[in-house]
C-alpha atoms as a PDB file:
ATOM      1  CA  MET A   1       0.000   0.000   0.000  1.00  0.00           C
ATOM      2  CA  ARG A   2       1.300   3.377  -0.975  1.00  0.00           C
ATOM      3  CA  VAL A   3       1.175   6.251   1.444  1.00  0.00           C
ATOM      4  CA  LEU A   4       1.162   9.820   0.187  1.00  0.00           C
ATOM      5  CA  LYS A   5       2.785  12.519   2.130  1.00  0.00           C
ATOM      6  CA  VAL A   6       0.951  15.717   2.690  1.00  0.00           C
ATOM      7  CA  GLY A   7       1.886  18.358   0.148  1.00  0.00           C
ATOM      8  CA  THR A   8       2.955  15.943  -2.602  1.00  0.00           C
ATOM      9  CA  ARG A   9       0.915  15.168  -5.632  1.00  0.00           C
ATOM     10  CA  GLU A  10       0.892  12.329  -8.093  1.00  0.00           C
ATOM     11  CA  ARG A  11       2.305  12.995 -11.509  1.00  0.00           C
ATOM     12  CA  ALA A  12       0.233  12.418 -14.666  1.00  0.00           C
ATOM     13  CA  PHE A  13       0.549  13.208 -18.351  1.00  0.00           C
ATOM     14  CA  SER A  14       0.051  16.830 -19.227  1.00  0.00           C
ATOM     15  CA  LEU A  15      -2.400  17.974 -21.874  1.00  0.00           C
ATOM     16  CA  VAL A  16       0.437  18.711 -24.324  1.00  0.00           C
ATOM     17  CA  GLU A  17       1.859  15.204 -23.964  1.00  0.00           C
ATOM     18  CA  ALA A  18      -1.567  13.665 -24.548  1.00  0.00           C
ATOM     19  CA  LEU A  19      -2.107  15.800 -27.681  1.00  0.00           C
ATOM     20  CA  VAL A  20       1.314  14.868 -29.093  1.00  0.00           C
ATOM     21  CA  ALA A  21       0.633  11.167 -28.489  1.00  0.00           C
ATOM     22  CA  THR A  22      -2.771  11.469 -30.185  1.00  0.00           C
ATOM     23  CA  ALA A  23      -1.213  13.242 -33.170  1.00  0.00           C
ATOM     24  CA  LEU A  24       1.456  10.532 -33.508  1.00  0.00           C
ATOM     25  CA  ILE A  25      -1.167   7.805 -33.420  1.00  0.00           C
ATOM     26  CA  GLY A  26      -3.198   9.701 -36.052  1.00  0.00           C
ATOM     27  CA  VAL A  27      -0.175   9.980 -38.358  1.00  0.00           C
ATOM     28  CA  ALA A  28       0.559   6.272 -37.925  1.00  0.00           C
ATOM     29  CA  ILE A  29      -3.040   5.301 -38.749  1.00  0.00           C
ATOM     30  CA  PHE A  30      -3.048   7.599 -41.794  1.00  0.00           C
ATOM     31  CA  ALA A  31       0.231   6.089 -43.053  1.00  0.00           C
ATOM     32  CA  LEU A  32      -1.128   2.584 -42.555  1.00  0.00           C
ATOM     33  CA  TYR A  33      -4.328   3.436 -44.457  1.00  0.00           C
ATOM     34  CA  ALA A  34      -2.355   5.041 -47.313  1.00  0.00           C
ATOM     35  CA  GLY A  35      -0.092   1.999 -47.538  1.00  0.00           C
ATOM     36  CA  ILE A  36      -3.008  -0.428 -47.681  1.00  0.00           C
ATOM     37  CA  THR A  37      -4.815   1.675 -50.303  1.00  0.00           C
ATOM     38  CA  SER A  38      -1.680   1.905 -52.423  1.00  0.00           C
ATOM     39  CA  SER A  39      -1.132  -1.847 -52.114  1.00  0.00           C
ATOM     40  CA  PHE A  40      -4.644  -2.604 -53.357  1.00  0.00           C
ATOM     41  CA  PHE A  41      -4.142  -0.263 -56.320  1.00  0.00           C
ATOM     42  CA  HIS A  42      -0.828  -1.887 -57.267  1.00  0.00           C
ATOM     43  CA  ILE A  43      -2.331  -5.363 -56.979  1.00  0.00           C
ATOM     44  CA  ARG A  44      -5.181  -4.271 -59.247  1.00  0.00           C
ATOM     45  CA  MET A  45      -2.725  -2.889 -61.813  1.00  0.00           C
ATOM     46  CA  ALA A  46      -0.694  -6.114 -61.712  1.00  0.00           C
ATOM     47  CA  ARG A  47      -3.841  -8.161 -62.331  1.00  0.00           C
ATOM     48  CA  GLU A  48      -4.844  -5.906 -65.230  1.00  0.00           C
ATOM     49  CA  ASN A  49      -1.330  -6.237 -66.718  1.00  0.00           C
ATOM     50  CA  LEU A  50      -1.510 -10.008 -66.411  1.00  0.00           C
ATOM     51  CA  ARG A  51      -4.921 -10.148 -68.092  1.00  0.00           C
ATOM     52  CA  ALA A  52      -3.669  -7.834 -70.873  1.00  0.00           C
ATOM     53  CA  THR A  53      -0.749 -10.185 -71.472  1.00  0.00           C
ATOM     54  CA  GLN A  54      -3.161 -13.120 -71.632  1.00  0.00           C
ATOM     55  CA  VAL A  55      -5.359 -11.350 -74.192  1.00  0.00           C
ATOM     56  CA  ILE A  56      -2.401 -10.414 -76.403  1.00  0.00           C
ATOM     57  CA  LEU A  57      -0.932 -13.905 -76.235  1.00  0.00           C
ATOM     58  CA  GLU A  58      -4.314 -15.422 -77.071  1.00  0.00           C
ATOM     59  CA  LYS A  59      -4.507 -13.280 -80.219  1.00  0.00           C
ATOM     60  CA  MET A  60      -0.911 -14.156 -81.157  1.00  0.00           C
ATOM     61  CA  GLU A  61      -1.611 -17.872 -80.757  1.00  0.00           C
ATOM     62  CA  VAL A  62      -4.536 -17.566 -83.166  1.00  0.00           C
ATOM     63  CA  ILE A  63      -2.323 -15.687 -85.640  1.00  0.00           C
ATOM     64  CA  ARG A  64       0.388 -18.333 -85.262  1.00  0.00           C
ATOM     65  CA  LEU A  65      -2.035 -21.007 -86.473  1.00  0.00           C
ATOM     66  CA  LEU A  66      -3.166 -19.118 -89.578  1.00  0.00           C
ATOM     67  CA  THR A  67      -1.902 -19.942 -93.027  1.00  0.00           C
ATOM     68  CA  TRP A  68      -0.013 -17.456 -95.174  1.00  0.00           C
ATOM     69  CA  THR A  69      -3.092 -16.919 -97.362  1.00  0.00           C
ATOM     70  CA  GLN A  70      -5.317 -16.236 -94.345  1.00  0.00           C
ATOM     71  CA  ILE A  71      -2.890 -13.703 -92.901  1.00  0.00           C
ATOM     72  CA  ASN A  72      -2.697 -11.837 -96.218  1.00  0.00           C
ATOM     73  CA  THR A  73      -6.443 -11.892 -96.900  1.00  0.00           C
ATOM     74  CA  PRO A  74      -7.839  -8.415 -96.089  1.00  0.00           C
ATOM     75  CA  GLY A  75     -10.564  -8.632 -93.458  1.00  0.00           C
ATOM     76  CA  PHE A  76      -9.739 -12.189 -92.376  1.00  0.00           C
ATOM     77  CA  LEU A  77      -8.166 -10.917 -89.163  1.00  0.00           C
ATOM     78  CA  PRO A  78     -10.321  -8.305 -87.441  1.00  0.00           C
ATOM     79  CA  ASP A  79      -8.774  -4.837 -87.330  1.00  0.00           C
ATOM     80  CA  THR A  80     -10.198  -4.198 -83.857  1.00  0.00           C
ATOM     81  CA  PHE A  81     -11.487  -6.328 -81.002  1.00  0.00           C
ATOM     82  CA  THR A  82     -12.577  -6.077 -77.374  1.00  0.00           C
ATOM     83  CA  ALA A  83     -11.978  -8.413 -74.459  1.00  0.00           C
ATOM     84  CA  PRO A  84     -13.402  -8.299 -70.936  1.00  0.00           C
ATOM     85  CA  TYR A  85     -11.259  -8.274 -67.803  1.00  0.00           C
ATOM     86  CA  ASP A  86     -13.230 -11.276 -66.587  1.00  0.00           C
ATOM     87  CA  PRO A  87     -13.021 -14.013 -69.258  1.00  0.00           C
ATOM     88  CA  ASP A  88     -16.330 -15.481 -68.022  1.00  0.00           C
ATOM     89  CA  ASP A  89     -18.141 -12.168 -68.642  1.00  0.00           C
ATOM     90  CA  THR A  90     -19.244 -12.953 -72.201  1.00  0.00           C
ATOM     91  CA  ASN A  91     -21.710 -10.044 -72.310  1.00  0.00           C
ATOM     92  CA  GLN A  92     -18.997  -7.515 -71.364  1.00  0.00           C
ATOM     93  CA  VAL A  93     -21.400  -5.604 -69.146  1.00  0.00           C
ATOM     94  CA  ARG A  94     -19.387  -5.387 -65.947  1.00  0.00           C
ATOM     95  CA  GLY A  95     -15.828  -4.536 -65.189  1.00  0.00           C
ATOM     96  CA  LEU A  96     -12.932  -3.450 -67.304  1.00  0.00           C
ATOM     97  CA  ILE A  97     -12.945  -3.749 -71.117  1.00  0.00           C
ATOM     98  CA  TYR A  98      -9.746  -4.038 -73.153  1.00  0.00           C
ATOM     99  CA  SER A  99      -9.787  -2.517 -76.656  1.00  0.00           C
ATOM    100  CA  GLY A 100      -7.370  -3.996 -79.128  1.00  0.00           C
ATOM    101  CA  ALA A 101      -6.164  -3.678 -82.699  1.00  0.00           C
ATOM    102  CA  ILE A 102      -4.342  -6.050 -85.033  1.00  0.00           C
ATOM    103  CA  GLN A 103      -2.189  -4.657 -87.818  1.00  0.00           C
ATOM    104  CA  VAL A 104      -0.510  -6.723 -90.555  1.00  0.00           C
ATOM    105  CA  THR A 105       2.044  -4.864 -92.674  1.00  0.00           C
ATOM    106  CA  ASP A 106       5.042  -5.578 -94.850  1.00  0.00           C
ATOM    107  CA  ALA A 107       8.146  -6.288 -92.836  1.00  0.00           C
ATOM    108  CA  PRO A 108      10.789  -3.543 -92.758  1.00  0.00           C
ATOM    109  CA  MET A 109      13.438  -5.832 -94.201  1.00  0.00           C
ATOM    110  CA  ALA A 110      15.550  -5.923 -97.339  1.00  0.00           C
ATOM    111  CA  ALA A 111      13.659  -6.058-100.617  1.00  0.00           C
ATOM    112  CA  ASP A 112      14.492  -9.756-101.003  1.00  0.00           C
ATOM    113  CA  TYR A 113      12.033 -10.678 -98.231  1.00  0.00           C
ATOM    114  CA  GLN A 114       9.137  -8.290 -98.945  1.00  0.00           C
ATOM    115  CA  ASP A 115       6.954 -10.995-100.496  1.00  0.00           C
ATOM    116  CA  ASP A 116       7.712 -13.626 -97.843  1.00  0.00           C
ATOM    117  CA  LEU A 117       7.558 -11.743 -94.528  1.00  0.00           C
ATOM    118  CA  ARG A 118       4.903  -9.754 -92.673  1.00  0.00           C
ATOM    119  CA  THR A 119       4.959  -7.783 -89.429  1.00  0.00           C
ATOM    120  CA  VAL A 120       2.029  -8.413 -87.100  1.00  0.00           C
ATOM    121  CA  VAL A 121       1.372  -5.926 -84.291  1.00  0.00           C
ATOM    122  CA  VAL A 122      -1.247  -6.511 -81.594  1.00  0.00           C
ATOM    123  CA  ARG A 123      -2.039  -3.445 -79.451  1.00  0.00           C
ATOM    124  CA  LEU A 124      -4.198  -3.400 -76.364  1.00  0.00           C
ATOM    125  CA  GLN A 125      -5.520  -0.354 -74.511  1.00  0.00           C
ATOM    126  CA  TRP A 126      -7.574   0.108 -71.347  1.00  0.00           C
ATOM    127  CA  GLN A 127      -8.410   2.658 -68.657  1.00  0.00           C
ATOM    128  CA  THR A 128      -7.516   2.435 -64.970  1.00  0.00           C
ATOM    129  CA  ARG A 129      -8.854   5.302 -62.857  1.00  0.00           C
ATOM    130  CA  GLY A 130      -8.577   7.735 -65.755  1.00  0.00           C
ATOM    131  CA  LEU A 131      -5.087   6.525 -66.658  1.00  0.00           C
ATOM    132  CA  THR A 132      -4.792   5.122 -70.201  1.00  0.00           C
ATOM    133  CA  ARG A 133      -2.662   1.983 -70.265  1.00  0.00           C
ATOM    134  CA  THR A 134      -1.346   0.164 -73.347  1.00  0.00           C
ATOM    135  CA  ARG A 135       0.498  -3.025 -74.224  1.00  0.00           C
ATOM    136  CA  THR A 136       1.960  -3.952 -77.619  1.00  0.00           C
ATOM    137  CA  LEU A 137       3.335  -7.210 -78.986  1.00  0.00           C
ATOM    138  CA  THR A 138       5.064  -7.416 -82.374  1.00  0.00           C
ATOM    139  CA  THR A 139       6.083 -10.518 -84.299  1.00  0.00           C
ATOM    140  CA  TYR A 140       7.056 -11.543 -87.799  1.00  0.00           C
ATOM    141  CA  VAL A 141       5.238 -14.119 -89.891  1.00  0.00           C
ATOM    142  CA  SER A 142       7.020 -15.901 -92.723  1.00  0.00           C
ATOM    143  CA  ARG A 143       5.564 -17.628 -95.768  1.00  0.00           C
ATOM    144  CA  HIS A 144       7.758 -20.665 -95.105  1.00  0.00           C
ATOM    145  CA  GLY A 145       7.856 -20.445 -91.331  1.00  0.00           C
ATOM    146  CA  VAL A 146       7.110 -22.834 -88.495  1.00  0.00           C
ATOM    147  CA  GLN A 147       3.569 -23.582 -89.655  1.00  0.00           C
ATOM    148  CA  ASN A 148       4.518 -24.586 -93.217  1.00  0.00           C
ATOM    149  CA  TYR A 149       3.047 -28.058 -92.630  1.00  0.00           C
ATOM    150  CA  LEU A 150      -0.440 -26.519 -92.739  1.00  0.00           C
ATOM    151  CA  LEU A 151      -2.030 -27.019 -96.112  1.00  0.00           C
ATOM    152  CA  GLU A 152      -3.380 -23.957 -97.819  1.00  0.00           C
END
């Protein structure tokens, strides 16, 4: 048991110390909230990047299986396309929508290869919180390339 002497008083935190402690706790909570919010945003962007890569690779795999005649036929490959963020969302009514374009042009090579080589560019574009994001994949397709076992 503690006995107090007459004329002494117990010490406690002053008002200034309590306000400083409250301010420090507020700053710590704000920093924690900002960190969590930023983490969620970066995870969302990483998922969108991954889905964009999947969409581009899917289009390139289709192009890889086409014959030389199909690649050079105007209108056979669509100039533009859309893809949903969620592959199961076939109606494209909810969530993010990717807008893409496919361009087939002559390859920028020496004149000897102009009739046997094409450049294929697949571009994808989408919006994230007002920020326009893009991905591009370029490849070359040859008349006598890997898929020359396909009959035309």
